[in-house]
Amino acid sequence: VYYFPKTLAACFHGLEVRINDIVIAAEVKERATAQAEYSEAVAEGQFAVISDIKSPQVPSVVRLQIGNIPPKTEDLQVTFSYSQDLESSHGKFWKLHIPSTLTPLYYSPFNQVVGMLTNPAGKVEIEEVK
């Protein structure tokens, strides 16, 4: 399970996973249906991916689950597509905010979501796997 930060204004509309020579493009499904299909595929030993917002209490965290990554996988790429409004400053500049760490915002449930992943500075470190 991987957790990624997002701005509250971001709207995800695509997910693509490339593993070796296989490409999986996500479909939007009702949460219970998607979870059931993911669980069934994993139980059958199939490679499977599911992603959603962690919870309504923490809408700035996206959860990605990848099941049954084949042995000797050398290339795994995850691509999220999303849209968000740009902020204008003084009519001249545009501001794009891309969060790069998971840090507590205003909700206490957030600490329960990533509590065991945080370091003493309160930030989660997501390592890039090559």
C-alpha atoms as a PDB file:
ATOM      1  CA  VAL A   1       0.000   0.000   0.000  1.00  0.00           C
ATOM      2  CA  TYR A   2       1.328   3.423  -0.982  1.00  0.00           C
ATOM      3  CA  TYR A   3       0.021   6.821   0.101  1.00  0.00           C
ATOM      4  CA  PHE A   4       0.380   9.982  -1.995  1.00  0.00           C
ATOM      5  CA  PRO A   5      -0.461  13.568  -1.055  1.00  0.00           C
ATOM      6  CA  LYS A   6      -2.740  15.721  -3.186  1.00  0.00           C
ATOM      7  CA  THR A   7      -4.186  19.187  -2.859  1.00  0.00           C
ATOM      8  CA  LEU A   8      -7.800  19.436  -1.780  1.00  0.00           C
ATOM      9  CA  ALA A   9      -8.598  21.122  -5.103  1.00  0.00           C
ATOM     10  CA  ALA A  10      -7.150  18.316  -7.249  1.00  0.00           C
ATOM     11  CA  CYS A  11      -9.567  16.022  -9.087  1.00  0.00           C
ATOM     12  CA  PHE A  12      -8.099  12.699 -10.228  1.00  0.00           C
ATOM     13  CA  HIS A  13      -9.377  11.394 -13.538  1.00  0.00           C
ATOM     14  CA  GLY A  14      -6.868   8.765 -14.595  1.00  0.00           C
ATOM     15  CA  LEU A  15      -4.534   6.054 -13.365  1.00  0.00           C
ATOM     16  CA  GLU A  16      -2.255   3.925 -15.475  1.00  0.00           C
ATOM     17  CA  VAL A  17       0.126   1.242 -14.221  1.00  0.00           C
ATOM     18  CA  ARG A  18       2.863  -0.178 -16.432  1.00  0.00           C
ATOM     19  CA  ILE A  19       4.582  -3.321 -15.260  1.00  0.00           C
ATOM     20  CA  ASN A  20       7.204  -4.756 -17.581  1.00  0.00           C
ATOM     21  CA  ASP A  21       5.271  -4.856 -20.897  1.00  0.00           C
ATOM     22  CA  ILE A  22       1.764  -4.837 -19.390  1.00  0.00           C
ATOM     23  CA  VAL A  23      -0.347  -1.661 -19.197  1.00  0.00           C
ATOM     24  CA  ILE A  24      -3.356  -1.415 -16.902  1.00  0.00           C
ATOM     25  CA  ALA A  25      -5.662   1.584 -17.305  1.00  0.00           C
ATOM     26  CA  ALA A  26      -7.993   2.249 -14.394  1.00  0.00           C
ATOM     27  CA  GLU A  27     -11.775   2.266 -14.563  1.00  0.00           C
ATOM     28  CA  VAL A  28     -13.931   4.260 -12.174  1.00  0.00           C
ATOM     29  CA  LYS A  29     -16.188   1.922 -10.202  1.00  0.00           C
ATOM     30  CA  GLU A  30     -18.301   2.017  -7.087  1.00  0.00           C
ATOM     31  CA  ARG A  31     -15.970   1.528  -4.091  1.00  0.00           C
ATOM     32  CA  ALA A  32     -17.432  -1.771  -2.828  1.00  0.00           C
ATOM     33  CA  THR A  33     -17.433  -3.297  -6.325  1.00  0.00           C
ATOM     34  CA  ALA A  34     -13.860  -2.213  -6.990  1.00  0.00           C
ATOM     35  CA  GLN A  35     -12.651  -3.551  -3.627  1.00  0.00           C
ATOM     36  CA  ALA A  36     -14.385  -6.900  -4.204  1.00  0.00           C
ATOM     37  CA  GLU A  37     -12.860  -7.273  -7.684  1.00  0.00           C
ATOM     38  CA  TYR A  38      -9.406  -6.307  -6.384  1.00  0.00           C
ATOM     39  CA  SER A  39      -9.617  -8.794  -3.491  1.00  0.00           C
ATOM     40  CA  GLU A  40     -10.784 -11.581  -5.811  1.00  0.00           C
ATOM     41  CA  ALA A  41      -7.972 -10.931  -8.307  1.00  0.00           C
ATOM     42  CA  VAL A  42      -5.344 -10.916  -5.544  1.00  0.00           C
ATOM     43  CA  ALA A  43      -6.765 -14.124  -4.044  1.00  0.00           C
ATOM     44  CA  GLU A  44      -6.493 -15.763  -7.483  1.00  0.00           C
ATOM     45  CA  GLY A  45      -2.841 -14.696  -7.760  1.00  0.00           C
ATOM     46  CA  GLN A  46      -3.446 -12.073 -10.466  1.00  0.00           C
ATOM     47  CA  PHE A  47      -1.657  -8.739 -10.639  1.00  0.00           C
ATOM     48  CA  ALA A  48      -4.164  -6.100  -9.494  1.00  0.00           C
ATOM     49  CA  VAL A  49      -4.298  -2.386  -8.677  1.00  0.00           C
ATOM     50  CA  ILE A  50      -6.815  -0.260  -6.784  1.00  0.00           C
ATOM     51  CA  SER A  51      -6.688   3.393  -5.787  1.00  0.00           C
ATOM     52  CA  ASP A  52      -8.998   5.675  -3.843  1.00  0.00           C
ATOM     53  CA  ILE A  53      -9.126   8.585  -1.450  1.00  0.00           C
ATOM     54  CA  LYS A  54      -8.063   7.257   1.943  1.00  0.00           C
ATOM     55  CA  SER A  55     -11.194   8.513   3.693  1.00  0.00           C
ATOM     56  CA  PRO A  56     -13.654  11.416   3.697  1.00  0.00           C
ATOM     57  CA  GLN A  57     -11.912  12.679   6.853  1.00  0.00           C
ATOM     58  CA  VAL A  58      -8.557  12.836   5.034  1.00  0.00           C
ATOM     59  CA  PRO A  59      -9.369  13.818   1.418  1.00  0.00           C
ATOM     60  CA  SER A  60      -5.803  14.986   0.741  1.00  0.00           C
ATOM     61  CA  VAL A  61      -4.360  11.460   0.791  1.00  0.00           C
ATOM     62  CA  VAL A  62      -4.633   9.041  -2.128  1.00  0.00           C
ATOM     63  CA  ARG A  63      -4.159   5.343  -1.366  1.00  0.00           C
ATOM     64  CA  LEU A  64      -2.730   2.985  -4.003  1.00  0.00           C
ATOM     65  CA  GLN A  65      -2.716  -0.779  -3.469  1.00  0.00           C
ATOM     66  CA  ILE A  66      -0.773  -3.056  -5.800  1.00  0.00           C
ATOM     67  CA  GLY A  67      -1.226  -6.795  -5.379  1.00  0.00           C
ATOM     68  CA  ASN A  68       0.856  -9.696  -6.660  1.00  0.00           C
ATOM     69  CA  ILE A  69       3.734  -7.877  -8.313  1.00  0.00           C
ATOM     70  CA  PRO A  70       5.415 -10.596 -10.377  1.00  0.00           C
ATOM     71  CA  PRO A  71       8.879 -11.773  -9.289  1.00  0.00           C
ATOM     72  CA  LYS A  72      11.840 -10.189 -11.089  1.00  0.00           C
ATOM     73  CA  THR A  73       9.791  -7.137 -12.057  1.00  0.00           C
ATOM     74  CA  GLU A  74      12.282  -4.613 -13.354  1.00  0.00           C
ATOM     75  CA  ASP A  75       9.988  -1.837 -14.484  1.00  0.00           C
ATOM     76  CA  LEU A  76       6.933  -0.583 -12.578  1.00  0.00           C
ATOM     77  CA  GLN A  77       5.513   2.842 -13.398  1.00  0.00           C
ATOM     78  CA  VAL A  78       2.433   4.508 -11.929  1.00  0.00           C
ATOM     79  CA  THR A  79       0.930   7.539 -13.649  1.00  0.00           C
ATOM     80  CA  PHE A  80      -1.853   9.592 -12.052  1.00  0.00           C
ATOM     81  CA  SER A  81      -3.718  12.174 -14.137  1.00  0.00           C
ATOM     82  CA  TYR A  82      -5.475  14.999 -12.351  1.00  0.00           C
ATOM     83  CA  SER A  83      -6.756  18.521 -12.813  1.00  0.00           C
ATOM     84  CA  GLN A  84      -6.696  21.497 -10.501  1.00  0.00           C
ATOM     85  CA  ASP A  85      -7.230  25.227 -10.781  1.00  0.00           C
ATOM     86  CA  LEU A  86      -4.186  27.472 -10.881  1.00  0.00           C
ATOM     87  CA  GLU A  87      -4.075  30.450  -8.553  1.00  0.00           C
ATOM     88  CA  SER A  88      -3.328  33.889 -10.002  1.00  0.00           C
ATOM     89  CA  SER A  89      -1.122  36.358  -8.189  1.00  0.00           C
ATOM     90  CA  HIS A  90      -1.236  40.064  -9.076  1.00  0.00           C
ATOM     91  CA  GLY A  91      -2.642  39.186 -12.489  1.00  0.00           C
ATOM     92  CA  LYS A  92       0.842  38.235 -13.711  1.00  0.00           C
ATOM     93  CA  PHE A  93       1.891  35.005 -12.086  1.00  0.00           C
ATOM     94  CA  TRP A  94       0.353  31.574 -11.775  1.00  0.00           C
ATOM     95  CA  LYS A  95       0.831  29.309  -8.788  1.00  0.00           C
ATOM     96  CA  LEU A  96       0.718  25.518  -8.960  1.00  0.00           C
ATOM     97  CA  HIS A  97       0.896  23.653  -5.658  1.00  0.00           C
ATOM     98  CA  ILE A  98       2.117  20.061  -5.843  1.00  0.00           C
ATOM     99  CA  PRO A  99       2.463  18.505  -2.384  1.00  0.00           C
ATOM    100  CA  SER A 100       5.458  16.250  -1.972  1.00  0.00           C
ATOM    101  CA  THR A 101       5.092  15.058   1.627  1.00  0.00           C
ATOM    102  CA  LEU A 102       2.334  13.734   3.840  1.00  0.00           C
ATOM    103  CA  THR A 103       2.043  16.046   6.823  1.00  0.00           C
ATOM    104  CA  PRO A 104      -0.748  16.603   9.345  1.00  0.00           C
ATOM    105  CA  LEU A 105      -3.115  19.334   8.267  1.00  0.00           C
ATOM    106  CA  TYR A 106      -6.167  20.148  10.326  1.00  0.00           C
ATOM    107  CA  TYR A 107      -7.607  16.761  11.179  1.00  0.00           C
ATOM    108  CA  SER A 108      -6.585  14.406  13.946  1.00  0.00           C
ATOM    109  CA  PRO A 109      -7.559  11.233  11.970  1.00  0.00           C
ATOM    110  CA  PHE A 110      -4.640  12.011   9.661  1.00  0.00           C
ATOM    111  CA  ASN A 111      -2.180  10.924  12.349  1.00  0.00           C
ATOM    112  CA  GLN A 112      -3.863   7.525  12.492  1.00  0.00           C
ATOM    113  CA  VAL A 113      -3.611   7.132   8.705  1.00  0.00           C
ATOM    114  CA  VAL A 114       0.141   7.649   8.455  1.00  0.00           C
ATOM    115  CA  GLY A 115       1.207   7.547  12.098  1.00  0.00           C
ATOM    116  CA  MET A 116       3.440   4.525  11.774  1.00  0.00           C
ATOM    117  CA  LEU A 117       5.079   5.928   8.636  1.00  0.00           C
ATOM    118  CA  THR A 118       6.027   9.338   9.991  1.00  0.00           C
ATOM    119  CA  ASN A 119       9.452  10.311  11.180  1.00  0.00           C
ATOM    120  CA  PRO A 120      10.083  12.642  14.176  1.00  0.00           C
ATOM    121  CA  ALA A 121       9.863  15.707  11.908  1.00  0.00           C
ATOM    122  CA  GLY A 122       6.255  14.746  11.088  1.00  0.00           C
ATOM    123  CA  LYS A 123       6.907  14.040   7.431  1.00  0.00           C
ATOM    124  CA  VAL A 124       6.531  10.815   5.527  1.00  0.00           C
ATOM    125  CA  GLU A 125       9.355   9.869   3.279  1.00  0.00           C
ATOM    126  CA  ILE A 126       8.345   8.114   0.077  1.00  0.00           C
ATOM    127  CA  GLU A 127      11.326   6.408  -1.474  1.00  0.00           C
ATOM    128  CA  GLU A 128      11.685   6.120  -5.202  1.00  0.00           C
ATOM    129  CA  VAL A 129      12.249   2.530  -6.243  1.00  0.00           C
ATOM    130  CA  LYS A 130      14.328   2.037  -9.363  1.00  0.00           C
END
